[in-house]
Amino acid sequence: MKTHFPLFNAAADPAAVDPGTGGGAASPWYETIVQKGADGTESLTDFAAWKDKAPAPLRDFITANMTAARSKTDGMVRVPGADAKPEEVAAYFKAIGVPDTPDGYRLKAPEKVPEGVALDADMEKAFLGRARELGLTAKQVTALRDFQLEHLGGAVVKNREAMAATIAAEKADLDKRFGDKINDTVAQAKAIANQKWMPDGMKKYIEDGALDPAHGNFAGADFLEFMAQAAKATGEDRGGAGIRGSNTGSNTREYWIGVMKDKDHPDKKLLDKQDPDAVRRYNEAYRNEV
């Protein structure tokens, strides 16, 4: 009876024998190259863990390639550290495409400038100088410029919307307070600028539109109402028929003559009714004339 032996006997391969199991078969060395994580993903194990078990030609091939990879510098750029020399920084800038001077960016004019935004040549020059110091590329510079323009354009739109909302709210307040008497109120308020005691700065403020709702320098409904009341209290709301506070001169005399001789004088009926403002104007004119 003949005994047949298999072509390969696992026990005959020393690498496949696990000495700790009394000669039982162990996993081949190459099965330890790949490891599985808890989530089932596979990755290479550390070469040092199995290189002594790998065949010499494979081990030497992998070792030589790892050494070559570590020493290869062609096409690689070294980022300069904090203590890098100027020439090292210059070499790095050149490698990544930073121009030698700010003019080298050759920044093209934007295709579209948002409405309400104006280009500033001096600002652009300063920006390019700073960009060169920081080592920005031409592509980065263009992208930052376009981002800034877009941001400014959005800010302009928001400011206009806010201004329109403010004007609308202000108009609603004026309509609520003064209604169809707004023009008369403005005229009364402006009349106070005739007062000699009014500071020049305040006169100019009024002349520049502080009391005119249609003007960009309008100070608001509160200021308009206050100045209208001030003009009324001093008599200036009556224009030429009023008096100038305690000032003496032609206006006081004209008021005195008018109220004494002109039966149609605006204060005639008011004096008959003992209107406080008319009485005050009359008494002040009297004091200035006697």
Protein backbone atom coordinates (compact mmCIF):
# COMPACT_ATOMS: atom_id res chain seq x y z
CA MET A 1 0.00 0.00 0.00
CA LYS A 2 1.44 3.31 -1.10
CA THR A 3 1.27 6.47 0.95
CA HIS A 4 0.70 9.68 -1.01
CA PHE A 5 2.13 12.95 0.29
CA PRO A 6 0.86 16.38 -0.75
CA LEU A 7 3.11 18.52 -2.91
CA PHE A 8 3.41 21.14 -0.14
CA ASN A 9 3.36 20.37 3.53
CA ALA A 10 2.59 23.38 5.80
CA ALA A 11 4.60 21.79 8.58
CA ALA A 12 7.63 21.75 6.31
CA ASP A 13 7.59 25.58 6.06
CA PRO A 14 9.28 26.97 9.22
CA ALA A 15 7.61 30.35 8.73
CA ALA A 16 4.20 28.72 8.92
CA VAL A 17 4.80 26.95 12.21
CA ASP A 18 3.68 28.63 15.41
CA PRO A 19 6.14 27.52 18.07
CA GLY A 20 3.72 28.52 20.80
CA THR A 21 1.13 26.00 19.66
CA GLY A 22 3.39 23.02 19.49
CA GLY A 23 3.81 23.12 15.73
CA GLY A 24 0.32 24.41 14.75
CA ALA A 25 -0.03 26.48 11.59
CA ALA A 26 0.21 30.33 11.92
CA SER A 27 -1.03 33.05 9.53
CA PRO A 28 1.39 33.75 6.65
CA TRP A 29 3.48 36.91 7.11
CA TYR A 30 1.89 38.72 4.18
CA GLU A 31 -1.52 38.59 5.81
CA THR A 32 -0.25 40.98 8.49
CA ILE A 33 0.47 43.76 5.96
CA VAL A 34 -3.15 44.90 5.93
CA GLN A 35 -5.19 45.58 9.04
CA LYS A 36 -8.89 46.23 9.42
CA GLY A 37 -10.36 48.92 11.62
CA ALA A 38 -13.46 48.63 13.77
CA ASP A 39 -15.51 50.16 10.94
CA GLY A 40 -14.18 47.64 8.42
CA THR A 41 -11.79 49.99 6.61
CA GLU A 42 -8.41 48.57 5.64
CA SER A 43 -4.99 50.20 5.98
CA LEU A 44 -1.34 49.21 5.75
CA THR A 45 0.38 48.29 8.96
CA ASP A 46 3.74 49.75 9.95
CA PHE A 47 6.47 48.44 7.65
CA ALA A 48 8.74 47.94 10.64
CA ALA A 49 6.32 45.34 12.03
CA TRP A 50 6.72 42.92 9.13
CA LYS A 51 9.81 43.89 7.14
CA ASP A 52 11.97 41.21 8.85
CA LYS A 53 9.45 38.55 7.79
CA ALA A 54 9.17 39.69 4.17
CA PRO A 55 11.37 38.18 1.48
CA ALA A 56 14.64 40.06 1.19
CA PRO A 57 14.06 41.41 -2.37
CA LEU A 58 10.68 42.95 -1.35
CA ARG A 59 12.09 44.33 1.89
CA ASP A 60 15.06 45.94 0.11
CA PHE A 61 12.82 47.39 -2.63
CA ILE A 62 10.46 49.09 -0.17
CA THR A 63 13.35 50.37 1.98
CA ALA A 64 15.13 51.88 -1.04
CA ASN A 65 11.96 53.65 -2.22
CA MET A 66 11.26 55.12 1.22
CA THR A 67 14.82 56.44 1.42
CA ALA A 68 14.57 57.99 -2.05
CA ALA A 69 11.25 59.65 -1.23
CA ARG A 70 12.67 61.26 1.88
CA SER A 71 15.66 62.66 0.01
CA LYS A 72 13.82 63.86 -3.12
CA THR A 73 13.62 67.68 -3.43
CA ASP A 74 12.87 68.22 -7.15
CA GLY A 75 9.59 70.09 -7.53
CA MET A 76 9.22 70.58 -3.80
CA VAL A 77 8.95 74.03 -2.17
CA ARG A 78 10.31 74.67 1.29
CA VAL A 79 8.16 77.09 3.30
CA PRO A 80 10.45 79.55 5.07
CA GLY A 81 10.28 79.65 8.84
CA ALA A 82 10.17 82.64 11.13
CA ASP A 83 13.97 82.92 11.12
CA ALA A 84 14.37 82.42 7.37
CA LYS A 85 16.94 84.51 5.53
CA PRO A 86 15.78 87.08 2.95
CA GLU A 87 17.13 84.99 0.11
CA GLU A 88 15.14 81.99 1.34
CA VAL A 89 11.95 84.06 1.43
CA ALA A 90 12.72 85.44 -2.05
CA ALA A 91 13.21 81.91 -3.38
CA TYR A 92 9.90 80.81 -1.88
CA PHE A 93 8.06 83.81 -3.35
CA LYS A 94 9.51 83.10 -6.77
CA ALA A 95 8.59 79.42 -6.55
CA ILE A 96 4.90 80.14 -5.85
CA GLY A 97 4.60 82.95 -8.40
CA VAL A 98 4.80 86.14 -6.33
CA PRO A 99 6.03 89.03 -8.55
CA ASP A 100 9.28 90.81 -7.77
CA THR A 101 7.54 94.18 -7.30
CA PRO A 102 3.94 95.37 -6.66
CA ASP A 103 3.75 96.56 -10.28
CA GLY A 104 4.32 92.97 -11.34
CA TYR A 105 0.79 92.01 -10.33
CA ARG A 106 -0.54 93.83 -13.42
CA LEU A 107 -3.95 94.02 -11.77
CA LYS A 108 -6.62 94.38 -14.45
CA ALA A 109 -9.54 96.74 -14.01
CA PRO A 110 -12.65 94.95 -12.71
CA GLU A 111 -15.24 93.95 -15.30
CA LYS A 112 -17.94 95.74 -13.31
CA VAL A 113 -17.80 98.30 -10.51
CA PRO A 114 -20.87 98.31 -8.24
CA GLU A 115 -23.01 101.43 -8.41
CA GLY A 116 -22.00 103.92 -5.74
CA VAL A 117 -18.44 102.55 -5.42
CA ALA A 118 -15.49 104.53 -6.80
CA LEU A 119 -12.06 103.03 -7.48
CA ASP A 120 -9.23 104.63 -5.50
CA ALA A 121 -5.84 104.55 -7.27
CA ASP A 122 -3.90 105.41 -4.10
CA MET A 123 -5.68 102.69 -2.15
CA GLU A 124 -4.96 100.17 -4.88
CA LYS A 125 -1.26 101.08 -4.85
CA ALA A 126 -1.07 100.62 -1.07
CA PHE A 127 -2.97 97.32 -1.32
CA LEU A 128 -0.58 95.90 -3.93
CA GLY A 129 2.42 96.94 -1.86
CA ARG A 130 1.04 95.14 1.16
CA ALA A 131 0.12 92.10 -0.93
CA ARG A 132 3.73 91.85 -2.15
CA GLU A 133 5.02 92.01 1.44
CA LEU A 134 2.67 89.19 2.43
CA GLY A 135 3.65 87.05 -0.54
CA LEU A 136 0.26 86.91 -2.25
CA THR A 137 -0.03 85.59 -5.78
CA ALA A 138 -1.69 87.52 -8.62
CA LYS A 139 -4.69 85.19 -8.47
CA GLN A 140 -5.10 85.81 -4.74
CA VAL A 141 -4.80 89.58 -5.19
CA THR A 142 -7.49 89.66 -7.88
CA ALA A 143 -9.81 87.50 -5.80
CA LEU A 144 -9.40 89.73 -2.73
CA ARG A 145 -9.97 92.91 -4.78
CA ASP A 146 -13.16 91.49 -6.30
CA PHE A 147 -14.38 90.35 -2.88
CA GLN A 148 -13.85 93.84 -1.47
CA LEU A 149 -15.72 95.47 -4.36
CA GLU A 150 -18.64 93.09 -3.91
CA HIS A 151 -18.69 93.78 -0.17
CA LEU A 152 -18.65 97.56 -0.68
CA GLY A 153 -21.37 97.33 -3.31
CA GLY A 154 -23.58 95.43 -0.87
CA ALA A 155 -22.87 97.99 1.85
CA VAL A 156 -23.89 100.84 -0.47
CA VAL A 157 -27.19 99.13 -1.24
CA LYS A 158 -27.89 98.56 2.47
CA ASN A 159 -27.05 102.18 3.31
CA ARG A 160 -29.39 103.44 0.60
CA GLU A 161 -32.19 101.22 1.83
CA ALA A 162 -31.62 102.40 5.40
CA MET A 163 -31.60 106.03 4.27
CA ALA A 164 -34.83 105.55 2.30
CA ALA A 165 -36.47 103.97 5.33
CA THR A 166 -35.32 106.86 7.54
CA ILE A 167 -36.67 109.45 5.08
CA ALA A 168 -40.00 107.62 4.84
CA ALA A 169 -40.32 107.47 8.65
CA GLU A 170 -39.36 111.15 8.92
CA LYS A 171 -41.95 112.16 6.33
CA ALA A 172 -44.62 110.18 8.15
CA ASP A 173 -43.70 111.95 11.39
CA LEU A 174 -43.85 115.38 9.70
CA ASP A 175 -47.25 114.61 8.18
CA LYS A 176 -48.55 113.45 11.55
CA ARG A 177 -47.29 116.55 13.41
CA PHE A 178 -47.85 119.35 10.91
CA GLY A 179 -50.07 118.03 8.13
CA ASP A 180 -50.79 120.68 5.49
CA LYS A 181 -49.27 123.36 7.73
CA ILE A 182 -45.74 122.12 7.17
CA ASN A 183 -44.78 124.94 4.79
CA ASP A 184 -46.08 127.62 7.18
CA THR A 185 -44.20 125.98 10.05
CA VAL A 186 -40.95 125.95 8.08
CA ALA A 187 -41.40 129.63 7.18
CA GLN A 188 -42.04 130.51 10.83
CA ALA A 189 -39.00 128.57 12.00
CA LYS A 190 -36.71 130.16 9.40
CA ALA A 191 -37.80 133.62 10.48
CA ILE A 192 -35.88 133.29 13.74
CA ALA A 193 -32.65 133.64 11.78
CA ASN A 194 -33.54 137.36 11.62
CA GLN A 195 -32.75 137.76 15.31
CA LYS A 196 -29.55 139.72 15.87
CA TRP A 197 -28.76 137.63 18.92
CA MET A 198 -28.78 134.47 16.83
CA PRO A 199 -25.17 133.12 16.62
CA ASP A 200 -23.65 133.13 13.16
CA GLY A 201 -23.07 129.39 13.36
CA MET A 202 -26.76 128.75 13.98
CA LYS A 203 -27.74 131.12 11.18
CA LYS A 204 -25.52 129.21 8.78
CA TYR A 205 -26.96 125.92 10.07
CA ILE A 206 -30.43 127.18 9.21
CA GLU A 207 -29.30 128.57 5.85
CA ASP A 208 -27.78 125.16 5.01
CA GLY A 209 -31.19 123.50 5.25
CA ALA A 210 -31.54 122.42 8.88
CA LEU A 211 -35.18 123.56 8.88
CA ASP A 212 -36.05 122.37 5.37
CA PRO A 213 -37.50 118.82 5.24
CA ALA A 214 -36.64 118.58 1.55
CA HIS A 215 -32.97 119.30 2.22
CA GLY A 216 -30.30 116.73 2.96
CA ASN A 217 -29.20 118.66 6.06
CA PHE A 218 -32.67 118.63 7.65
CA ALA A 219 -32.25 118.33 11.44
CA GLY A 220 -35.59 116.62 12.05
CA ALA A 221 -39.14 117.30 13.16
CA ASP A 222 -38.20 118.01 16.79
CA PHE A 223 -35.77 120.76 15.83
CA LEU A 224 -38.22 122.25 13.33
CA GLU A 225 -41.00 122.38 15.91
CA PHE A 226 -38.70 123.87 18.55
CA MET A 227 -37.44 126.63 16.24
CA ALA A 228 -40.98 127.42 15.07
CA GLN A 229 -42.07 127.84 18.69
CA ALA A 230 -38.98 129.97 19.41
CA ALA A 231 -39.78 132.20 16.44
CA LYS A 232 -43.37 132.55 17.65
CA ALA A 233 -42.23 133.40 21.19
CA THR A 234 -39.96 136.20 19.92
CA GLY A 235 -42.47 137.54 17.42
CA GLU A 236 -40.32 136.70 14.42
CA ASP A 237 -42.99 134.39 13.07
CA ARG A 238 -44.83 137.54 11.88
CA GLY A 239 -42.00 138.62 9.64
CA GLY A 240 -41.66 142.40 9.21
CA ALA A 241 -44.61 143.07 11.51
CA GLY A 242 -42.83 141.50 14.44
CA ILE A 243 -40.27 143.09 16.73
CA ARG A 244 -36.72 141.99 17.35
CA GLY A 245 -36.85 141.12 21.02
CA SER A 246 -35.44 143.99 23.05
CA ASN A 247 -33.63 145.49 20.05
CA THR A 248 -34.33 149.18 19.32
CA GLY A 249 -34.50 150.61 15.82
CA SER A 250 -36.73 150.88 12.79
CA ASN A 251 -38.50 147.51 13.21
CA THR A 252 -39.64 148.39 16.76
CA ARG A 253 -40.83 151.83 15.62
CA GLU A 254 -42.66 150.34 12.63
CA TYR A 255 -44.40 147.86 14.86
CA TRP A 256 -45.40 150.63 17.31
CA ILE A 257 -46.73 152.90 14.57
CA GLY A 258 -48.54 149.99 12.92
CA VAL A 259 -50.27 148.73 16.02
CA MET A 260 -51.33 152.29 17.01
CA LYS A 261 -52.53 153.60 13.65
CA ASP A 262 -53.29 150.63 11.38
CA LYS A 263 -56.71 149.22 12.12
CA ASP A 264 -55.84 146.14 10.03
CA HIS A 265 -52.63 145.38 11.96
CA PRO A 266 -52.47 141.64 12.83
CA ASP A 267 -52.10 142.38 16.54
CA LYS A 268 -55.12 144.72 16.78
CA LYS A 269 -57.69 142.01 17.35
CA LEU A 270 -55.26 139.94 19.40
CA LEU A 271 -54.71 142.85 21.76
CA ASP A 272 -58.47 143.27 22.15
CA LYS A 273 -58.60 139.60 23.17
CA GLN A 274 -55.63 140.06 25.51
CA ASP A 275 -53.59 137.49 23.60
CA PRO A 276 -50.44 136.90 25.75
CA ASP A 277 -48.00 137.00 22.81
CA ALA A 278 -49.56 140.17 21.35
CA VAL A 279 -49.57 141.87 24.77
CA ARG A 280 -45.91 140.95 25.26
CA ARG A 281 -44.95 142.37 21.86
CA TYR A 282 -46.95 145.55 22.49
CA ASN A 283 -45.44 146.11 25.98
CA GLU A 284 -41.91 145.49 24.75
CA ALA A 285 -42.37 147.94 21.87
CA TYR A 286 -43.78 150.46 24.32
CA ARG A 287 -40.78 150.08 26.63
CA ASN A 288 -38.39 150.58 23.72
CA GLU A 289 -40.14 153.73 22.57
CA VAL A 290 -40.65 155.57 25.86
